[in-house]
Amino acid sequence: MIYLKIDNNKGFYRTDETREEWIELDQINKDDLLKLLKLATTKEFSMEDYKDELLQNPAHNIIYRNIYGKFIELLDNKTRFQDSVNSMYKTAIDFYTKELSGDI
C-alpha cells in the first residue's frame, strides 16, 4: 500500500488505508507521523520514490525528501530492528508466557 506519493508537483500522504483521501504534505503533524511509523512497522508500506524535479513546491520538496529518507532507512532496517527488540525483551516474554500458562 502506498502512503506517500507525488502528484501535480506536490507531495501527499495518507494514514488510512481504507480511504482514498490524500492530504498535502505541508499539513502533516506529529500524530500523522506516528501513524505512518506504526503503519511502516506493522503493514506493507511503500512510497513513491523521491524525485527532486517532480516536487516544485519547496516546502513539499524538503518535507518529502526528509520523510522519505528516514522511512527508507527504517524499512531497510525493519527486520534487524524487530530482531533487536525481540531479543531485548526475550527474557521477559519467556517469563511472563510461562507465568500465564502456569508452568512456574
Protein backbone atom coordinates (compact mmCIF):
# COMPACT_ATOMS: atom_id res chain seq x y z
CA MET A 1 0.00 0.00 0.00
CA ILE A 2 1.37 3.43 -0.94
CA TYR A 3 1.32 6.04 1.83
CA LEU A 4 3.46 8.80 0.29
CA LYS A 5 3.12 9.99 -3.28
CA ILE A 6 3.93 12.85 -5.62
CA ASP A 7 1.14 14.26 -7.76
CA ASN A 8 0.81 17.59 -9.61
CA ASN A 9 4.22 18.77 -8.32
CA LYS A 10 3.16 18.31 -4.69
CA GLY A 11 3.73 15.65 -2.04
CA PHE A 12 0.81 13.84 -0.46
CA TYR A 13 0.35 11.33 2.35
CA ARG A 14 -2.39 9.25 3.89
CA THR A 15 -2.73 7.50 7.21
CA ASP A 16 -5.86 5.49 6.50
CA GLU A 17 -5.50 2.63 4.06
CA THR A 18 -9.26 2.20 3.73
CA ARG A 19 -9.85 5.69 2.35
CA GLU A 20 -8.51 7.30 -0.80
CA GLU A 21 -8.15 10.68 0.94
CA TRP A 22 -4.71 12.17 0.27
CA ILE A 23 -3.50 15.12 2.35
CA GLU A 24 -0.94 17.67 1.18
CA LEU A 25 2.40 17.05 2.83
CA ASP A 26 2.70 20.51 4.36
CA GLN A 27 -0.30 19.62 6.56
CA ILE A 28 1.48 16.71 8.28
CA ASN A 29 1.76 16.81 12.06
CA LYS A 30 3.32 14.73 14.83
CA ASP A 31 0.29 12.44 15.19
CA ASP A 32 0.27 11.74 11.45
CA LEU A 33 3.99 10.88 11.54
CA LEU A 34 3.39 8.49 14.43
CA LYS A 35 0.55 6.83 12.49
CA LEU A 36 2.83 6.46 9.46
CA LEU A 37 5.56 4.96 11.66
CA LYS A 38 3.09 2.44 13.05
CA LEU A 39 1.94 1.54 9.55
CA ALA A 40 5.55 1.20 8.36
CA THR A 41 6.36 -1.23 11.15
CA THR A 42 3.17 -3.30 11.03
CA LYS A 43 1.82 -3.20 7.45
CA GLU A 44 3.04 -3.49 3.90
CA PHE A 45 4.31 0.06 3.46
CA SER A 46 5.54 1.71 0.29
CA MET A 47 6.21 5.20 -1.01
CA GLU A 48 6.77 6.72 -4.40
CA ASP A 49 10.45 7.40 -4.95
CA TYR A 50 11.68 10.88 -4.11
CA LYS A 51 12.38 12.86 -7.28
CA ASP A 52 13.52 16.42 -6.76
CA GLU A 53 12.40 17.56 -10.20
CA LEU A 54 8.80 16.40 -9.60
CA LEU A 55 8.30 18.44 -6.43
CA GLN A 56 8.06 22.08 -7.48
CA ASN A 57 6.65 23.24 -4.14
CA PRO A 58 9.77 23.97 -1.99
CA ALA A 59 8.09 23.06 1.31
CA HIS A 60 6.80 19.76 -0.07
CA ASN A 61 10.22 19.03 -1.53
CA ILE A 62 12.00 19.45 1.81
CA ILE A 63 9.38 17.54 3.80
CA TYR A 64 9.10 14.68 1.30
CA ARG A 65 12.89 14.32 1.00
CA ASN A 66 13.33 14.11 4.77
CA ILE A 67 10.40 11.79 5.48
CA TYR A 68 11.29 9.57 2.51
CA GLY A 69 14.91 9.29 3.65
CA LYS A 70 14.01 8.36 7.22
CA PHE A 71 11.35 5.86 6.20
CA ILE A 72 13.67 4.20 3.65
CA GLU A 73 16.23 3.80 6.43
CA LEU A 74 13.57 2.36 8.75
CA LEU A 75 12.23 -0.03 6.12
CA ASP A 76 15.74 -1.18 5.17
CA ASN A 77 16.48 -1.97 8.82
CA LYS A 78 12.99 -3.16 9.81
CA THR A 79 13.91 -6.83 10.25
CA ARG A 80 17.09 -6.03 12.17
CA PHE A 81 15.18 -3.59 14.36
CA GLN A 82 12.43 -6.13 15.13
CA ASP A 83 15.02 -8.84 15.92
CA SER A 84 16.82 -6.44 18.25
CA VAL A 85 13.61 -5.57 20.10
CA ASN A 86 12.60 -9.24 20.35
CA SER A 87 15.98 -10.29 21.75
CA MET A 88 15.98 -7.36 24.18
CA TYR A 89 12.67 -8.44 25.69
CA LYS A 90 13.01 -12.21 25.16
CA THR A 91 13.68 -12.96 28.83
CA ALA A 92 10.61 -11.02 29.96
CA ILE A 93 8.42 -12.52 27.23
CA ASP A 94 9.53 -16.05 28.13
CA PHE A 95 9.00 -15.43 31.86
CA TYR A 96 5.50 -13.99 31.51
CA THR A 97 4.46 -16.56 28.92
CA LYS A 98 5.37 -19.33 31.37
CA GLU A 99 3.71 -17.48 34.25
CA LEU A 100 0.47 -17.04 32.34
CA SER A 101 0.42 -20.68 31.29
CA GLY A 102 1.01 -21.81 34.88
CA ASP A 103 4.37 -23.52 34.23
CA ILE A 104 6.15 -21.67 37.06
